[in-house]
Amino acid sequence: MPQFLVVGLGNPGKGYEGTLHNAGREVAIEYAKKCGLDFKERANALVANGDDAIVVLPNTFMNNSGIAVWPIMNRKAIPLEKLIVLVDDTYIEMGKIRIKPNGSCGGHNGLLSIEESLGNRDWTRIRIGVGPDPGGTFRSDYVLSRPRPEVIPLFAQGKELARFALETILDKSLEEAMTIFNAR
């Protein structure tokens, strides 16, 4: 049975650590730490191999995430239904998550890059709320900022829920995770 491929979207580098846009990357890192996995440098990504999942942190910037994802999926022969992408979402309220088994990129350039590289949108997304969305030209500055002090607990709560949702998918099923976490 093929492993899952868990991709934590974000931007590489110290300057982006802790930003809203790196929520997915941070959840993937926390999951790998909890499992005792170590990341190794590969072409365009940091990769940690576990029993249930391969965890990938693209070393490309967010908008080119597909460049890191497609070669790993192809080389490891991972089917689309085993791909789980952790990603921030400005349309979801801070502290909440949403699991989607497929769908559009919703204007998120990291998801769009993966969609374009794979030629398909039928893979799981765990969307981590970082909203409310300020919209327009402010969106980029907003997602590249760190959470305001008053929302840090909500930001942490959303990331924790996303990690629990990921573990539920890996240990049980996507359907069970959606039933539990999308109902909140």
Protein backbone atom coordinates (compact mmCIF):
# COMPACT_ATOMS: atom_id res chain seq x y z
CA MET A 1 0.00 0.00 0.00
CA PRO A 2 1.50 3.37 -0.99
CA GLN A 3 2.42 5.85 1.70
CA PHE A 4 0.74 9.20 2.03
CA LEU A 5 2.60 12.28 0.84
CA VAL A 6 2.07 15.14 3.30
CA VAL A 7 3.08 18.54 1.96
CA GLY A 8 3.40 21.56 4.24
CA LEU A 9 3.14 24.72 2.17
CA GLY A 10 5.08 27.82 3.12
CA ASN A 11 8.12 29.83 2.19
CA PRO A 12 11.62 28.60 3.07
CA GLY A 13 14.00 30.63 5.20
CA LYS A 14 14.17 32.11 8.68
CA GLY A 15 12.52 35.37 7.58
CA TYR A 16 9.24 33.54 6.90
CA GLU A 17 9.13 31.41 10.06
CA GLY A 18 6.06 32.14 12.13
CA THR A 19 4.18 33.94 9.36
CA LEU A 20 0.56 33.21 8.61
CA HIS A 21 1.51 31.93 5.15
CA ASN A 22 3.72 29.25 6.73
CA ALA A 23 0.95 27.66 8.79
CA GLY A 24 0.93 24.52 6.63
CA ARG A 25 4.71 24.17 6.71
CA GLU A 26 4.71 24.52 10.50
CA VAL A 27 2.03 21.84 10.95
CA ALA A 28 4.05 19.45 8.77
CA ILE A 29 7.17 20.17 10.84
CA GLU A 30 5.29 19.53 14.10
CA TYR A 31 3.89 16.26 12.75
CA ALA A 32 7.38 15.12 11.68
CA LYS A 33 8.83 16.05 15.09
CA LYS A 34 6.07 14.15 16.89
CA CYS A 35 6.89 11.08 14.77
CA GLY A 36 10.64 11.45 15.35
CA LEU A 37 11.34 12.05 11.66
CA ASP A 38 14.37 13.94 10.36
CA PHE A 39 14.32 16.05 7.22
CA LYS A 40 16.92 15.53 4.52
CA GLU A 41 17.68 17.93 1.70
CA ARG A 42 16.44 16.72 -1.69
CA ALA A 43 16.04 18.56 -4.98
CA ASN A 44 13.69 21.48 -4.26
CA ALA A 45 12.48 20.10 -0.90
CA LEU A 46 13.19 18.91 2.59
CA VAL A 47 11.90 15.33 2.89
CA ALA A 48 11.26 13.16 5.96
CA ASN A 49 10.36 9.50 5.44
CA GLY A 50 8.05 7.85 7.94
CA ASP A 51 6.17 4.57 8.05
CA ASP A 52 2.77 6.11 7.23
CA ALA A 53 3.81 9.22 5.36
CA ILE A 54 6.52 11.04 3.52
CA VAL A 55 6.55 14.64 4.77
CA VAL A 56 7.65 17.27 2.27
CA LEU A 57 8.53 20.92 2.81
CA PRO A 58 9.06 22.58 -0.57
CA ASN A 59 12.25 24.65 -0.68
CA THR A 60 10.73 26.63 -3.50
CA PHE A 61 8.73 29.71 -2.69
CA MET A 62 5.01 29.17 -2.19
CA ASN A 63 4.03 30.05 -5.76
CA ASN A 64 6.29 27.28 -7.15
CA SER A 65 5.35 24.48 -4.75
CA GLY A 66 4.37 22.13 -7.58
CA ILE A 67 7.99 22.01 -8.73
CA ALA A 68 8.83 20.20 -5.48
CA VAL A 69 5.71 18.03 -5.20
CA TRP A 70 5.34 16.47 -8.65
CA PRO A 71 8.79 14.80 -8.90
CA ILE A 72 8.40 13.14 -5.48
CA MET A 73 4.91 11.86 -6.29
CA ASN A 74 6.15 10.57 -9.62
CA ARG A 75 9.32 8.92 -8.29
CA LYS A 76 7.53 7.28 -5.34
CA ALA A 77 4.43 6.37 -7.43
CA ILE A 78 2.08 8.03 -4.96
CA PRO A 79 -1.52 8.18 -6.20
CA LEU A 80 -3.45 11.45 -5.98
CA GLU A 81 -5.74 10.09 -3.27
CA LYS A 82 -2.68 9.76 -1.00
CA LEU A 83 -1.64 13.43 -1.33
CA ILE A 84 -2.47 15.71 1.62
CA VAL A 85 -1.56 19.39 1.40
CA LEU A 86 -1.51 21.59 4.51
CA VAL A 87 -2.15 25.21 3.59
CA ASP A 88 -3.17 28.57 5.05
CA ASP A 89 -6.54 30.04 4.03
CA THR A 90 -7.53 33.68 4.47
CA TYR A 91 -11.21 32.87 3.85
CA ILE A 92 -11.42 30.69 6.96
CA GLU A 93 -11.56 32.28 10.39
CA MET A 94 -8.42 32.11 12.52
CA GLY A 95 -8.49 29.04 14.79
CA LYS A 96 -10.62 26.94 12.43
CA ILE A 97 -9.78 24.44 9.71
CA ARG A 98 -11.53 22.90 6.74
CA ILE A 99 -10.74 19.58 5.08
CA LYS A 100 -11.52 19.26 1.39
CA PRO A 101 -11.03 16.08 -0.65
CA ASN A 102 -10.65 18.06 -3.89
CA GLY A 103 -11.57 21.38 -5.47
CA SER A 104 -10.14 24.56 -6.85
CA CYS A 105 -7.12 26.43 -5.58
CA GLY A 106 -9.44 29.17 -4.27
CA GLY A 107 -7.00 31.85 -5.38
CA HIS A 108 -4.09 30.32 -3.42
CA ASN A 109 -0.99 30.35 -5.62
CA GLY A 110 0.71 27.47 -3.80
CA LEU A 111 -2.28 25.21 -4.47
CA LEU A 112 -2.48 26.50 -8.05
CA SER A 113 1.16 25.55 -8.63
CA ILE A 114 0.53 22.00 -7.41
CA GLU A 115 -2.66 21.75 -9.46
CA GLU A 116 -0.81 22.88 -12.60
CA SER A 117 2.13 20.52 -11.99
CA LEU A 118 -0.12 17.51 -11.40
CA GLY A 119 -2.72 18.43 -14.03
CA ASN A 120 -5.39 17.53 -11.49
CA ARG A 121 -7.24 18.89 -8.44
CA ASP A 122 -8.38 15.62 -6.88
CA TRP A 123 -6.24 15.57 -3.75
CA THR A 124 -6.85 16.43 -0.11
CA ARG A 125 -6.31 19.85 1.37
CA ILE A 126 -6.32 20.72 5.05
CA ARG A 127 -6.98 24.44 5.03
CA ILE A 128 -5.83 26.31 8.13
CA GLY A 129 -7.76 29.48 8.86
CA VAL A 130 -5.75 32.69 9.03
CA GLY A 131 -8.68 35.04 8.26
CA PRO A 132 -10.38 37.36 8.12
CA ASP A 133 -9.11 38.16 4.66
CA PRO A 134 -8.17 41.86 4.33
CA GLY A 135 -8.58 41.51 0.56
CA GLY A 136 -7.07 43.38 -2.35
CA THR A 137 -3.50 44.59 -2.28
CA PHE A 138 -3.27 44.06 1.50
CA ARG A 139 -3.57 40.26 1.29
CA SER A 140 0.08 39.63 0.42
CA ASP A 141 1.40 41.79 3.27
CA TYR A 142 -1.12 40.21 5.64
CA VAL A 143 -0.20 36.56 4.97
CA LEU A 144 3.51 37.35 5.08
CA SER A 145 3.12 38.90 8.54
CA ARG A 146 3.19 37.19 11.90
CA PRO A 147 -0.05 36.93 13.85
CA ARG A 148 -0.96 39.87 16.05
CA PRO A 149 -0.46 39.10 19.77
CA GLU A 150 -4.19 38.89 20.45
CA VAL A 151 -4.71 36.13 17.85
CA ILE A 152 -1.62 34.01 18.59
CA PRO A 153 -3.67 31.53 20.68
CA LEU A 154 -6.21 31.15 17.83
CA PHE A 155 -3.41 30.69 15.28
CA ALA A 156 -1.87 27.97 17.48
CA GLN A 157 -5.30 26.35 17.91
CA GLY A 158 -5.84 26.17 14.14
CA LYS A 159 -2.44 24.58 13.58
CA GLU A 160 -3.09 22.05 16.35
CA LEU A 161 -6.49 21.15 14.87
CA ALA A 162 -4.83 20.70 11.48
CA ARG A 163 -2.26 18.31 12.96
CA PHE A 164 -5.01 16.32 14.70
CA ALA A 165 -6.96 16.22 11.42
CA LEU A 166 -3.87 14.98 9.56
CA GLU A 167 -3.32 12.25 12.14
CA THR A 168 -6.98 11.24 11.89
CA ILE A 169 -6.71 10.90 8.11
CA LEU A 170 -3.52 8.84 8.39
CA ASP A 171 -4.77 6.63 11.25
CA LYS A 172 -8.43 6.28 10.29
CA SER A 173 -9.83 7.90 7.13
CA LEU A 174 -10.46 11.12 5.28
CA GLU A 175 -14.20 10.69 5.80
CA GLU A 176 -13.84 10.36 9.57
CA ALA A 177 -11.58 13.43 9.73
CA MET A 178 -14.07 15.47 7.68
CA THR A 179 -16.93 14.36 9.95
CA ILE A 180 -15.03 15.37 13.09
CA PHE A 181 -13.25 18.55 12.01
CA ASN A 182 -15.50 20.11 9.36
CA ALA A 183 -18.43 20.06 11.83
CA ARG A 184 -16.66 22.40 14.27
